[in-house]
Amino acid sequence: MKHFIFFLLFTTLAYTAHSQKASYKWGKPTKEDIEIKVCPHDSAASVIVLDEAGSVEFGYGSGAVLIKKYVKLKILNEQGLDAAVIRLYMYSKDNFEKLADIKAHTLNMNAAGKIIEEKVESRQFFEVDSQDDWKETRFTFPSVKPGSILEYSYTVRSQSFTFLEGWMFENPYPTLHSAFEVKVEEGLNYKLVYQGKRLIDRYGKSGLNNSWELYYLP
């Protein structure tokens, strides 16, 4: 059996606050998601990432590594409307990375307190050449206003078996909860590389891990 060394890179300057587990259901924001109007650890923020989750796993039978990501964010005020435009970059040479299973929608609350969903339709995802061998997939959430909750998820099919995709806990916007999981194929060896004192303090001495999470990230 061949043994490879994989490097996972994690960066953060964050602190952990609560030990509760965050969870999400597609299209079903929590009461807390709906009620939050100000980021609890950055009152000046115009956008907050309520939850994000990522995973890396081997796609058995597909000959690829599957990188999955889910993001749920909320627009807090008018200054945050630019967050409705999403750009995803893939290294496209020789189909090294391919985007799949992408979906997105806007959730707004009407006057009666009912959640109204507006999907990003398939024709609204645009793929353009970026630079060199990179491609960009771009889309814009519809009907975005202060109070809107935006959700999107996607899968990347990658040929990168030597270096698995890492996870960056920091975002352009403050984040309430971020989690990452790696499902390792039997017979492969990994080396983890952490960056960030508080991440090292929490996980650096706990032996081998396959999942990580932090709360209240700046």
N, C-alpha and C. Protein backbone atom coordinates (compact mmCIF):
# COMPACT_ATOMS: atom_id res chain seq x y z
N MET A 1 0.85 -1.19 0.00
CA MET A 1 0.00 0.00 0.00
C MET A 1 0.88 1.24 0.00
N LYS A 2 0.61 2.17 -0.91
CA LYS A 2 1.36 3.40 -0.95
C LYS A 2 0.92 4.31 0.20
N HIS A 3 1.88 5.06 0.71
CA HIS A 3 1.58 6.01 1.79
C HIS A 3 1.97 7.39 1.33
N PHE A 4 1.06 8.30 1.41
CA PHE A 4 1.30 9.69 1.05
C PHE A 4 1.24 10.54 2.31
N ILE A 5 1.88 11.68 2.28
CA ILE A 5 1.77 12.66 3.35
C ILE A 5 0.94 13.82 2.82
N PHE A 6 -0.10 14.15 3.52
CA PHE A 6 -0.97 15.26 3.13
C PHE A 6 -0.79 16.40 4.12
N PHE A 7 -0.88 17.59 3.61
CA PHE A 7 -0.74 18.77 4.45
C PHE A 7 -2.06 19.52 4.47
N LEU A 8 -2.57 19.77 5.64
CA LEU A 8 -3.79 20.55 5.80
C LEU A 8 -3.42 21.84 6.51
N LEU A 9 -3.77 22.95 5.92
CA LEU A 9 -3.40 24.25 6.45
C LEU A 9 -4.61 24.93 7.05
N PHE A 10 -4.49 25.33 8.30
CA PHE A 10 -5.57 26.01 9.00
C PHE A 10 -5.04 27.33 9.51
N THR A 11 -5.76 28.40 9.29
CA THR A 11 -5.32 29.69 9.81
C THR A 11 -6.45 30.35 10.58
N THR A 12 -6.09 30.98 11.69
CA THR A 12 -7.08 31.72 12.45
C THR A 12 -6.41 32.62 13.47
N LEU A 13 -7.07 33.71 13.77
CA LEU A 13 -6.67 34.57 14.87
C LEU A 13 -7.79 34.61 15.91
N ALA A 14 -8.68 33.64 15.81
CA ALA A 14 -9.94 33.73 16.55
C ALA A 14 -9.82 33.21 17.97
N TYR A 15 -10.88 33.49 18.73
CA TYR A 15 -11.01 32.91 20.05
C TYR A 15 -12.26 32.06 20.06
N THR A 16 -12.30 31.05 20.91
CA THR A 16 -13.49 30.23 21.06
C THR A 16 -14.27 30.73 22.25
N ALA A 17 -15.59 30.64 22.15
CA ALA A 17 -16.40 31.21 23.21
C ALA A 17 -17.32 30.19 23.86
N HIS A 18 -18.16 29.55 23.09
CA HIS A 18 -19.12 28.62 23.66
C HIS A 18 -18.82 27.21 23.17
N SER A 19 -19.31 26.25 23.90
CA SER A 19 -19.06 24.86 23.54
C SER A 19 -20.25 24.23 22.85
N GLN A 20 -21.31 24.99 22.58
CA GLN A 20 -22.48 24.41 21.96
C GLN A 20 -22.19 24.02 20.51
N LYS A 21 -22.90 23.03 20.05
CA LYS A 21 -22.75 22.57 18.67
C LYS A 21 -23.71 23.35 17.78
N ALA A 22 -23.19 23.91 16.70
CA ALA A 22 -24.05 24.57 15.74
C ALA A 22 -24.56 23.54 14.74
N SER A 23 -25.75 23.74 14.24
CA SER A 23 -26.31 22.84 13.24
C SER A 23 -27.10 23.66 12.25
N TYR A 24 -27.30 23.11 11.07
CA TYR A 24 -28.06 23.83 10.08
C TYR A 24 -28.92 22.86 9.28
N LYS A 25 -30.03 23.38 8.81
CA LYS A 25 -30.90 22.66 7.90
C LYS A 25 -31.16 23.59 6.73
N TRP A 26 -30.95 23.10 5.53
CA TRP A 26 -31.07 23.91 4.34
C TRP A 26 -32.45 24.55 4.27
N GLY A 27 -32.47 25.87 4.13
CA GLY A 27 -33.72 26.59 3.98
C GLY A 27 -34.51 26.78 5.25
N LYS A 28 -33.94 26.39 6.40
CA LYS A 28 -34.66 26.50 7.67
C LYS A 28 -33.79 27.22 8.70
N PRO A 29 -33.71 28.55 8.59
CA PRO A 29 -32.92 29.29 9.57
C PRO A 29 -33.50 29.14 10.97
N THR A 30 -32.63 29.22 11.96
CA THR A 30 -33.07 29.11 13.33
C THR A 30 -33.72 30.42 13.79
N LYS A 31 -34.36 30.37 14.93
CA LYS A 31 -34.94 31.57 15.52
C LYS A 31 -33.85 32.61 15.76
N GLU A 32 -32.70 32.15 16.22
CA GLU A 32 -31.57 33.05 16.48
C GLU A 32 -31.08 33.70 15.19
N ASP A 33 -31.03 32.93 14.10
CA ASP A 33 -30.63 33.47 12.80
C ASP A 33 -31.54 34.63 12.40
N ILE A 34 -32.82 34.43 12.58
CA ILE A 34 -33.81 35.42 12.16
C ILE A 34 -33.74 36.68 13.03
N GLU A 35 -33.53 36.49 14.32
CA GLU A 35 -33.60 37.61 15.25
C GLU A 35 -32.33 38.43 15.32
N ILE A 36 -31.19 37.87 14.94
CA ILE A 36 -29.93 38.60 15.10
C ILE A 36 -29.90 39.83 14.19
N LYS A 37 -29.56 40.94 14.75
CA LYS A 37 -29.50 42.20 13.99
C LYS A 37 -28.13 42.86 14.07
N VAL A 38 -27.35 42.46 15.07
CA VAL A 38 -26.00 43.00 15.26
C VAL A 38 -25.07 41.84 15.59
N CYS A 39 -23.90 41.82 14.97
CA CYS A 39 -22.92 40.79 15.27
C CYS A 39 -22.50 40.92 16.73
N PRO A 40 -22.58 39.85 17.51
CA PRO A 40 -22.29 39.96 18.95
C PRO A 40 -20.84 40.27 19.27
N HIS A 41 -19.91 39.97 18.37
CA HIS A 41 -18.50 40.24 18.67
C HIS A 41 -17.89 41.28 17.73
N ASP A 42 -18.74 41.95 16.94
CA ASP A 42 -18.26 43.05 16.09
C ASP A 42 -19.48 43.89 15.71
N SER A 43 -19.81 44.85 16.53
CA SER A 43 -21.04 45.62 16.33
C SER A 43 -21.02 46.46 15.07
N ALA A 44 -19.84 46.68 14.49
CA ALA A 44 -19.74 47.49 13.28
C ALA A 44 -19.94 46.67 12.00
N ALA A 45 -20.05 45.36 12.11
CA ALA A 45 -20.12 44.49 10.93
C ALA A 45 -21.42 44.71 10.17
N SER A 46 -21.34 44.72 8.84
CA SER A 46 -22.52 44.85 8.00
C SER A 46 -23.02 43.51 7.48
N VAL A 47 -22.18 42.48 7.62
CA VAL A 47 -22.53 41.12 7.21
C VAL A 47 -22.00 40.18 8.28
N ILE A 48 -22.73 39.12 8.55
CA ILE A 48 -22.25 38.10 9.47
C ILE A 48 -22.43 36.73 8.86
N VAL A 49 -21.41 35.88 8.96
CA VAL A 49 -21.53 34.47 8.56
C VAL A 49 -22.10 33.72 9.75
N LEU A 50 -23.32 33.25 9.62
CA LEU A 50 -23.99 32.56 10.70
C LEU A 50 -23.43 31.16 10.91
N ASP A 51 -23.11 30.51 9.81
CA ASP A 51 -22.61 29.14 9.89
C ASP A 51 -21.90 28.80 8.59
N GLU A 52 -20.82 28.06 8.69
CA GLU A 52 -20.19 27.50 7.50
C GLU A 52 -19.60 26.16 7.87
N ALA A 53 -19.61 25.26 6.90
CA ALA A 53 -19.11 23.91 7.12
C ALA A 53 -18.45 23.40 5.85
N GLY A 54 -17.35 22.70 6.03
CA GLY A 54 -16.66 22.14 4.88
C GLY A 54 -16.23 20.71 5.18
N SER A 55 -16.02 19.95 4.12
CA SER A 55 -15.51 18.59 4.29
C SER A 55 -14.67 18.21 3.08
N VAL A 56 -13.75 17.30 3.33
CA VAL A 56 -12.93 16.72 2.27
C VAL A 56 -13.02 15.21 2.41
N GLU A 57 -13.32 14.53 1.32
CA GLU A 57 -13.41 13.08 1.35
C GLU A 57 -13.07 12.51 -0.01
N PHE A 58 -12.66 11.26 -0.01
CA PHE A 58 -12.37 10.59 -1.27
C PHE A 58 -13.67 10.09 -1.88
N GLY A 59 -13.86 10.42 -3.16
CA GLY A 59 -15.05 9.97 -3.85
C GLY A 59 -14.85 8.58 -4.39
N TYR A 60 -15.26 7.59 -3.63
CA TYR A 60 -15.04 6.21 -4.01
C TYR A 60 -15.66 5.93 -5.37
N GLY A 61 -14.85 5.41 -6.28
CA GLY A 61 -15.32 5.09 -7.62
C GLY A 61 -15.30 6.25 -8.57
N SER A 62 -15.11 7.49 -8.06
CA SER A 62 -15.13 8.66 -8.94
C SER A 62 -13.73 9.10 -9.36
N GLY A 63 -12.71 8.59 -8.68
CA GLY A 63 -11.35 8.98 -9.00
C GLY A 63 -11.04 10.42 -8.67
N ALA A 64 -11.72 10.97 -7.67
CA ALA A 64 -11.53 12.37 -7.31
C ALA A 64 -11.65 12.55 -5.81
N VAL A 65 -11.12 13.67 -5.35
CA VAL A 65 -11.33 14.11 -3.99
C VAL A 65 -12.50 15.09 -4.00
N LEU A 66 -13.46 14.88 -3.12
CA LEU A 66 -14.65 15.72 -3.08
C LEU A 66 -14.52 16.75 -1.96
N ILE A 67 -14.60 18.01 -2.34
CA ILE A 67 -14.52 19.12 -1.40
C ILE A 67 -15.90 19.76 -1.34
N LYS A 68 -16.53 19.71 -0.19
CA LYS A 68 -17.89 20.23 -0.06
C LYS A 68 -17.89 21.43 0.88
N LYS A 69 -18.69 22.43 0.53
CA LYS A 69 -18.77 23.62 1.37
C LYS A 69 -20.20 24.12 1.45
N TYR A 70 -20.57 24.56 2.64
CA TYR A 70 -21.88 25.16 2.91
C TYR A 70 -21.64 26.48 3.63
N VAL A 71 -22.38 27.53 3.24
CA VAL A 71 -22.26 28.84 3.87
C VAL A 71 -23.66 29.42 4.08
N LYS A 72 -23.87 29.97 5.27
CA LYS A 72 -25.10 30.72 5.56
C LYS A 72 -24.70 32.07 6.15
N LEU A 73 -25.07 33.14 5.48
CA LEU A 73 -24.72 34.47 5.98
C LEU A 73 -25.95 35.36 6.01
N LYS A 74 -25.82 36.48 6.72
CA LYS A 74 -26.95 37.40 6.86
C LYS A 74 -26.48 38.82 6.60
N ILE A 75 -27.30 39.55 5.84
CA ILE A 75 -27.05 40.96 5.57
C ILE A 75 -27.63 41.77 6.72
N LEU A 76 -26.78 42.53 7.40
CA LEU A 76 -27.23 43.27 8.58
C LEU A 76 -27.67 44.69 8.26
N ASN A 77 -27.08 45.30 7.23
CA ASN A 77 -27.48 46.67 6.86
C ASN A 77 -27.14 46.93 5.40
N GLU A 78 -27.44 48.12 4.94
CA GLU A 78 -27.26 48.48 3.53
C GLU A 78 -25.81 48.34 3.07
N GLN A 79 -24.86 48.55 3.96
CA GLN A 79 -23.46 48.48 3.58
C GLN A 79 -23.02 47.05 3.26
N GLY A 80 -23.85 46.08 3.61
CA GLY A 80 -23.48 44.68 3.36
C GLY A 80 -24.04 44.08 2.09
N LEU A 81 -24.70 44.87 1.26
CA LEU A 81 -25.37 44.32 0.08
C LEU A 81 -24.40 43.72 -0.93
N ASP A 82 -23.15 44.19 -0.95
CA ASP A 82 -22.17 43.64 -1.89
C ASP A 82 -21.89 42.17 -1.63
N ALA A 83 -22.21 41.68 -0.45
CA ALA A 83 -21.97 40.27 -0.13
C ALA A 83 -22.88 39.33 -0.93
N ALA A 84 -23.86 39.90 -1.63
CA ALA A 84 -24.77 39.08 -2.43
C ALA A 84 -24.13 38.57 -3.71
N VAL A 85 -22.95 39.06 -4.05
CA VAL A 85 -22.24 38.60 -5.25
C VAL A 85 -21.16 37.60 -4.81
N ILE A 86 -21.24 36.39 -5.33
CA ILE A 86 -20.32 35.31 -4.95
C ILE A 86 -19.47 34.93 -6.16
N ARG A 87 -18.18 34.75 -5.91
CA ARG A 87 -17.24 34.30 -6.95
C ARG A 87 -16.49 33.08 -6.45
N LEU A 88 -16.53 32.01 -7.22
CA LEU A 88 -15.84 30.77 -6.88
C LEU A 88 -14.81 30.49 -7.96
N TYR A 89 -13.57 30.19 -7.56
CA TYR A 89 -12.48 30.00 -8.52
C TYR A 89 -12.04 28.54 -8.52
N MET A 90 -11.86 28.01 -9.73
CA MET A 90 -11.41 26.63 -9.91
C MET A 90 -10.21 26.59 -10.85
N TYR A 91 -9.26 25.70 -10.54
CA TYR A 91 -8.14 25.48 -11.44
C TYR A 91 -8.60 24.47 -12.50
N SER A 92 -8.78 24.95 -13.71
CA SER A 92 -9.51 24.18 -14.72
C SER A 92 -8.63 23.38 -15.67
N LYS A 93 -7.32 23.58 -15.66
CA LYS A 93 -6.45 22.88 -16.61
C LYS A 93 -6.58 21.37 -16.45
N ASP A 94 -6.81 20.68 -17.56
CA ASP A 94 -6.96 19.22 -17.58
C ASP A 94 -8.04 18.75 -16.60
N ASN A 95 -9.06 19.58 -16.42
CA ASN A 95 -10.16 19.25 -15.52
C ASN A 95 -9.68 18.93 -14.11
N PHE A 96 -8.65 19.66 -13.67
CA PHE A 96 -8.07 19.40 -12.35
C PHE A 96 -9.09 19.64 -11.25
N GLU A 97 -9.90 20.68 -11.41
CA GLU A 97 -11.00 20.95 -10.48
C GLU A 97 -12.27 21.23 -11.26
N LYS A 98 -13.37 20.64 -10.82
CA LYS A 98 -14.66 20.87 -11.48
C LYS A 98 -15.72 21.15 -10.42
N LEU A 99 -16.53 22.15 -10.70
CA LEU A 99 -17.60 22.54 -9.78
C LEU A 99 -18.84 21.70 -10.05
N ALA A 100 -19.51 21.27 -8.98
CA ALA A 100 -20.71 20.44 -9.14
C ALA A 100 -21.69 20.75 -8.01
N ASP A 101 -22.93 20.39 -8.24
CA ASP A 101 -23.97 20.42 -7.20
C ASP A 101 -24.10 21.78 -6.52
N ILE A 102 -23.98 22.84 -7.28
CA ILE A 102 -24.08 24.17 -6.68
C ILE A 102 -25.54 24.58 -6.56
N LYS A 103 -25.90 25.15 -5.42
CA LYS A 103 -27.24 25.68 -5.23
C LYS A 103 -27.16 26.87 -4.28
N ALA A 104 -28.13 27.77 -4.41
CA ALA A 104 -28.12 29.00 -3.61
C ALA A 104 -29.53 29.57 -3.57
N HIS A 105 -29.84 30.25 -2.48
CA HIS A 105 -31.13 30.94 -2.40
C HIS A 105 -31.08 32.06 -1.37
N THR A 106 -32.02 32.98 -1.52
CA THR A 106 -32.22 34.07 -0.57
C THR A 106 -33.46 33.77 0.26
N LEU A 107 -33.36 34.01 1.56
CA LEU A 107 -34.49 33.82 2.46
C LEU A 107 -34.85 35.17 3.08
N ASN A 108 -36.09 35.59 2.87
CA ASN A 108 -36.59 36.84 3.45
C ASN A 108 -37.84 36.55 4.27
N MET A 109 -38.07 37.36 5.26
CA MET A 109 -39.26 37.23 6.09
C MET A 109 -40.30 38.26 5.64
N ASN A 110 -41.53 37.80 5.37
CA ASN A 110 -42.57 38.75 4.97
C ASN A 110 -43.28 39.33 6.19
N ALA A 111 -44.25 40.21 5.97
CA ALA A 111 -44.93 40.91 7.07
C ALA A 111 -45.68 39.96 8.00
N ALA A 112 -46.06 38.81 7.46
CA ALA A 112 -46.80 37.83 8.27
C ALA A 112 -45.87 36.89 9.03
N GLY A 113 -44.55 37.10 8.90
CA GLY A 113 -43.59 36.25 9.59
C GLY A 113 -43.28 34.95 8.88
N LYS A 114 -43.65 34.86 7.60
CA LYS A 114 -43.38 33.66 6.82
C LYS A 114 -42.08 33.83 6.04
N ILE A 115 -41.31 32.77 5.96
CA ILE A 115 -40.05 32.81 5.21
C ILE A 115 -40.33 32.63 3.72
N ILE A 116 -39.85 33.56 2.93
CA ILE A 116 -40.02 33.52 1.47
C ILE A 116 -38.67 33.16 0.84
N GLU A 117 -38.67 32.12 0.03
CA GLU A 117 -37.44 31.65 -0.63
C GLU A 117 -37.39 32.11 -2.08
N GLU A 118 -36.24 32.61 -2.50
CA GLU A 118 -35.99 32.90 -3.92
C GLU A 118 -34.70 32.21 -4.32
N LYS A 119 -34.82 31.25 -5.22
CA LYS A 119 -33.67 30.48 -5.63
C LYS A 119 -32.83 31.22 -6.68
N VAL A 120 -31.56 30.93 -6.69
CA VAL A 120 -30.71 31.30 -7.81
C VAL A 120 -30.87 30.19 -8.85
N GLU A 121 -31.48 30.51 -9.98
CA GLU A 121 -31.75 29.51 -11.01
C GLU A 121 -30.46 29.12 -11.72
N SER A 122 -30.48 27.95 -12.34
CA SER A 122 -29.28 27.42 -12.99
C SER A 122 -28.73 28.38 -14.05
N ARG A 123 -29.60 29.08 -14.75
CA ARG A 123 -29.16 30.01 -15.79
C ARG A 123 -28.48 31.25 -15.21
N GLN A 124 -28.58 31.43 -13.90
CA GLN A 124 -27.99 32.60 -13.25
C GLN A 124 -26.59 32.35 -12.69
N PHE A 125 -26.09 31.14 -12.88
CA PHE A 125 -24.70 30.84 -12.54
C PHE A 125 -23.87 31.04 -13.81
N PHE A 126 -22.91 31.92 -13.76
CA PHE A 126 -22.10 32.26 -14.94
C PHE A 126 -20.67 31.77 -14.74
N GLU A 127 -20.16 31.06 -15.74
CA GLU A 127 -18.77 30.62 -15.71
C GLU A 127 -17.97 31.42 -16.73
N VAL A 128 -16.87 32.02 -16.27
CA VAL A 128 -16.03 32.83 -17.15
C VAL A 128 -14.57 32.45 -16.93
N ASP A 129 -13.76 32.66 -17.97
CA ASP A 129 -12.32 32.48 -17.82
C ASP A 129 -11.78 33.59 -16.94
N SER A 130 -10.97 33.21 -15.97
CA SER A 130 -10.41 34.20 -15.06
C SER A 130 -9.02 34.63 -15.53
N GLN A 131 -8.01 33.84 -15.28
CA GLN A 131 -6.67 34.12 -15.75
C GLN A 131 -5.90 32.81 -15.84
N ASP A 132 -4.99 32.74 -16.80
CA ASP A 132 -4.22 31.52 -17.02
C ASP A 132 -5.16 30.33 -17.14
N ASP A 133 -5.03 29.36 -16.23
CA ASP A 133 -5.85 28.15 -16.32
C ASP A 133 -6.94 28.12 -15.26
N TRP A 134 -7.38 29.28 -14.83
CA TRP A 134 -8.42 29.37 -13.82
C TRP A 134 -9.75 29.78 -14.44
N LYS A 135 -10.83 29.26 -13.86
CA LYS A 135 -12.18 29.67 -14.24
C LYS A 135 -12.90 30.21 -13.01
N GLU A 136 -13.82 31.11 -13.27
CA GLU A 136 -14.60 31.72 -12.19
C GLU A 136 -16.07 31.43 -12.42
N THR A 137 -16.74 30.95 -11.40
CA THR A 137 -18.20 30.83 -11.41
C THR A 137 -18.76 31.94 -10.53
N ARG A 138 -19.66 32.72 -11.10
CA ARG A 138 -20.16 33.92 -10.43
C ARG A 138 -21.68 33.88 -10.40
N PHE A 139 -22.25 34.30 -9.29
CA PHE A 139 -23.70 34.44 -9.22
C PHE A 139 -24.06 35.51 -8.21
N THR A 140 -25.29 36.01 -8.33
CA THR A 140 -25.79 37.06 -7.45
C THR A 140 -27.11 36.61 -6.83
N PHE A 141 -27.22 36.72 -5.53
CA PHE A 141 -28.47 36.37 -4.85
C PHE A 141 -29.55 37.39 -5.20
N PRO A 142 -30.79 36.94 -5.42
CA PRO A 142 -31.88 37.87 -5.75
C PRO A 142 -32.53 38.46 -4.50
N SER A 143 -33.17 39.61 -4.70
CA SER A 143 -34.04 40.22 -3.67
C SER A 143 -33.34 40.39 -2.32
N VAL A 144 -32.10 40.84 -2.36
CA VAL A 144 -31.32 40.98 -1.13
C VAL A 144 -31.56 42.35 -0.52
N LYS A 145 -31.74 42.37 0.79
CA LYS A 145 -31.97 43.60 1.55
C LYS A 145 -31.49 43.36 2.97
N PRO A 146 -31.38 44.39 3.78
CA PRO A 146 -31.02 44.17 5.18
C PRO A 146 -31.98 43.18 5.84
N GLY A 147 -31.43 42.18 6.50
CA GLY A 147 -32.24 41.13 7.10
C GLY A 147 -32.28 39.86 6.29
N SER A 148 -31.84 39.91 5.01
CA SER A 148 -31.84 38.71 4.17
C SER A 148 -30.83 37.69 4.68
N ILE A 149 -31.22 36.43 4.64
CA ILE A 149 -30.32 35.32 4.93
C ILE A 149 -29.98 34.64 3.60
N LEU A 150 -28.71 34.46 3.33
CA LEU A 150 -28.24 33.87 2.08
C LEU A 150 -27.57 32.54 2.37
N GLU A 151 -27.97 31.53 1.62
CA GLU A 151 -27.37 30.20 1.78
C GLU A 151 -26.85 29.73 0.43
N TYR A 152 -25.68 29.10 0.44
CA TYR A 152 -25.22 28.42 -0.77
C TYR A 152 -24.35 27.24 -0.39
N SER A 153 -24.29 26.27 -1.29
CA SER A 153 -23.44 25.10 -1.09
C SER A 153 -22.98 24.59 -2.45
N TYR A 154 -21.88 23.88 -2.44
CA TYR A 154 -21.35 23.34 -3.68
C TYR A 154 -20.33 22.24 -3.38
N THR A 155 -19.99 21.51 -4.41
CA THR A 155 -18.96 20.46 -4.34
C THR A 155 -17.92 20.73 -5.40
N VAL A 156 -16.66 20.54 -5.05
CA VAL A 156 -15.57 20.60 -6.02
C VAL A 156 -14.99 19.20 -6.15
N ARG A 157 -14.91 18.72 -7.38
CA ARG A 157 -14.25 17.43 -7.65
C ARG A 157 -12.81 17.74 -8.06
N SER A 158 -11.89 17.37 -7.20
CA SER A 158 -10.49 17.75 -7.37
C SER A 158 -9.62 16.53 -7.62
N GLN A 159 -8.56 16.73 -8.41
CA GLN A 159 -7.56 15.68 -8.66
C GLN A 159 -6.36 15.81 -7.73
N SER A 160 -6.47 16.66 -6.73
CA SER A 160 -5.34 16.92 -5.83
C SER A 160 -5.31 15.87 -4.72
N PHE A 161 -4.59 14.78 -4.96
CA PHE A 161 -4.44 13.74 -3.96
C PHE A 161 -3.21 13.95 -3.09
N THR A 162 -2.26 14.73 -3.56
CA THR A 162 -1.02 14.94 -2.82
C THR A 162 -1.21 15.93 -1.69
N PHE A 163 -1.89 17.03 -1.99
CA PHE A 163 -2.18 18.03 -0.97
C PHE A 163 -3.69 18.19 -0.87
N LEU A 164 -4.25 17.72 0.23
CA LEU A 164 -5.68 17.88 0.41
C LEU A 164 -6.02 19.33 0.68
N GLU A 165 -7.23 19.70 0.32
CA GLU A 165 -7.71 21.05 0.56
C GLU A 165 -7.72 21.35 2.06
N GLY A 166 -7.20 22.50 2.46
CA GLY A 166 -7.26 22.91 3.85
C GLY A 166 -8.47 23.78 4.12
N TRP A 167 -8.51 24.35 5.29
CA TRP A 167 -9.66 25.15 5.70
C TRP A 167 -9.17 26.42 6.35
N MET A 168 -9.67 27.55 5.90
CA MET A 168 -9.33 28.83 6.50
C MET A 168 -10.53 29.30 7.31
N PHE A 169 -10.35 29.37 8.62
CA PHE A 169 -11.47 29.74 9.48
C PHE A 169 -11.83 31.22 9.37
N GLU A 170 -10.87 32.05 9.02
CA GLU A 170 -11.17 33.47 8.89
C GLU A 170 -11.93 33.75 7.60
N ASN A 171 -12.84 34.71 7.66
CA ASN A 171 -13.61 35.15 6.51
C ASN A 171 -13.46 36.66 6.35
N PRO A 172 -13.87 37.21 5.21
CA PRO A 172 -13.94 38.66 5.10
C PRO A 172 -14.93 39.27 6.09
N TYR A 173 -15.86 38.44 6.60
CA TYR A 173 -16.87 38.90 7.55
C TYR A 173 -16.75 38.11 8.85
N PRO A 174 -17.13 38.70 9.98
CA PRO A 174 -17.11 37.95 11.24
C PRO A 174 -18.03 36.73 11.15
N THR A 175 -17.64 35.68 11.84
CA THR A 175 -18.29 34.38 11.70
C THR A 175 -18.68 33.83 13.06
N LEU A 176 -19.90 33.34 13.19
CA LEU A 176 -20.35 32.77 14.45
C LEU A 176 -19.83 31.35 14.65
N HIS A 177 -19.80 30.56 13.58
CA HIS A 177 -19.41 29.15 13.71
C HIS A 177 -18.82 28.66 12.40
N SER A 178 -17.70 27.95 12.51
CA SER A 178 -17.05 27.38 11.34
C SER A 178 -16.56 25.98 11.69
N ALA A 179 -16.83 25.01 10.83
CA ALA A 179 -16.47 23.62 11.10
C ALA A 179 -15.91 22.96 9.85
N PHE A 180 -14.97 22.05 10.06
CA PHE A 180 -14.32 21.37 8.95
C PHE A 180 -14.09 19.92 9.32
N GLU A 181 -14.26 19.03 8.33
CA GLU A 181 -14.11 17.59 8.57
C GLU A 181 -13.35 16.97 7.41
N VAL A 182 -12.49 16.01 7.72
CA VAL A 182 -11.76 15.27 6.69
C VAL A 182 -12.02 13.78 6.89
N LYS A 183 -12.44 13.11 5.84
CA LYS A 183 -12.66 11.67 5.88
C LYS A 183 -11.51 11.00 5.13
N VAL A 184 -10.65 10.35 5.89
CA VAL A 184 -9.40 9.82 5.35
C VAL A 184 -9.59 8.40 4.85
N GLU A 185 -9.09 8.16 3.66
CA GLU A 185 -9.13 6.81 3.11
C GLU A 185 -8.12 5.92 3.82
N GLU A 186 -8.50 4.72 4.12
CA GLU A 186 -7.63 3.80 4.85
C GLU A 186 -6.32 3.56 4.08
N GLY A 187 -5.21 3.55 4.82
CA GLY A 187 -3.92 3.28 4.20
C GLY A 187 -3.15 4.52 3.80
N LEU A 188 -3.73 5.70 3.98
CA LEU A 188 -3.04 6.94 3.65
C LEU A 188 -2.66 7.68 4.93
N ASN A 189 -1.48 8.24 4.93
CA ASN A 189 -0.99 8.98 6.10
C ASN A 189 -1.08 10.47 5.85
N TYR A 190 -1.35 11.22 6.90
CA TYR A 190 -1.50 12.66 6.80
C TYR A 190 -0.57 13.36 7.77
N LYS A 191 -0.15 14.52 7.41
CA LYS A 191 0.49 15.43 8.34
C LYS A 191 -0.34 16.70 8.40
N LEU A 192 -0.73 17.09 9.60
CA LEU A 192 -1.53 18.29 9.78
C LEU A 192 -0.63 19.47 10.10
N VAL A 193 -0.94 20.60 9.51
CA VAL A 193 -0.21 21.83 9.80
C VAL A 193 -1.21 22.86 10.27
N TYR A 194 -1.07 23.30 11.52
CA TYR A 194 -1.94 24.34 12.07
C TYR A 194 -1.22 25.67 12.04
N GLN A 195 -1.98 26.72 11.80
CA GLN A 195 -1.48 28.08 11.96
C GLN A 195 -2.48 28.87 12.79
N GLY A 196 -2.00 29.58 13.78
CA GLY A 196 -2.88 30.33 14.67
C GLY A 196 -2.79 29.79 16.08
N LYS A 197 -2.41 30.61 17.02
CA LYS A 197 -2.13 30.16 18.38
C LYS A 197 -3.32 29.47 19.02
N ARG A 198 -4.50 30.08 18.90
CA ARG A 198 -5.64 29.52 19.60
C ARG A 198 -6.10 28.20 18.98
N LEU A 199 -5.94 28.05 17.69
CA LEU A 199 -6.24 26.77 17.05
C LEU A 199 -5.27 25.70 17.53
N ILE A 200 -4.01 26.05 17.62
CA ILE A 200 -2.99 25.12 18.12
C ILE A 200 -3.29 24.76 19.58
N ASP A 201 -3.65 25.77 20.37
CA ASP A 201 -3.96 25.51 21.78
C ASP A 201 -5.11 24.52 21.93
N ARG A 202 -6.08 24.61 21.03
CA ARG A 202 -7.25 23.75 21.17
C ARG A 202 -7.02 22.35 20.61
N TYR A 203 -6.29 22.25 19.49
CA TYR A 203 -6.18 20.96 18.81
C TYR A 203 -4.76 20.43 18.68
N GLY A 204 -3.76 21.27 18.93
CA GLY A 204 -2.39 20.86 18.65
C GLY A 204 -1.87 19.72 19.49
N LYS A 205 -2.46 19.51 20.68
CA LYS A 205 -1.98 18.45 21.58
C LYS A 205 -3.00 17.34 21.77
N SER A 206 -4.00 17.32 20.94
CA SER A 206 -5.08 16.35 21.13
C SER A 206 -4.94 15.11 20.25
N GLY A 207 -3.77 14.94 19.65
CA GLY A 207 -3.57 13.78 18.80
C GLY A 207 -4.19 13.98 17.44
N LEU A 208 -4.48 12.88 16.77
CA LEU A 208 -5.05 12.97 15.43
C LEU A 208 -6.51 13.34 15.50
N ASN A 209 -6.90 14.30 14.68
CA ASN A 209 -8.29 14.72 14.59
C ASN A 209 -8.77 14.58 13.16
N ASN A 210 -10.07 14.43 13.00
CA ASN A 210 -10.64 14.49 11.65
C ASN A 210 -11.74 15.53 11.55
N SER A 211 -11.95 16.30 12.64
CA SER A 211 -12.91 17.39 12.57
C SER A 211 -12.46 18.50 13.51
N TRP A 212 -12.80 19.73 13.12
CA TRP A 212 -12.37 20.91 13.85
C TRP A 212 -13.49 21.95 13.78
N GLU A 213 -13.64 22.76 14.83
CA GLU A 213 -14.62 23.84 14.77
C GLU A 213 -14.22 24.96 15.73
N LEU A 214 -14.57 26.17 15.34
CA LEU A 214 -14.33 27.35 16.16
C LEU A 214 -15.56 28.25 16.12
N TYR A 215 -15.69 29.08 17.15
CA TYR A 215 -16.83 29.98 17.27
C TYR A 215 -16.34 31.42 17.36
N TYR A 216 -17.20 32.33 16.99
CA TYR A 216 -16.98 33.77 17.14
C TYR A 216 -15.63 34.21 16.57
N LEU A 217 -15.50 34.03 15.27
CA LEU A 217 -14.27 34.39 14.57
C LEU A 217 -14.34 35.82 14.07
N PRO A 218 -13.24 36.56 14.22
CA PRO A 218 -13.25 37.97 13.76
C PRO A 218 -13.17 38.06 12.24
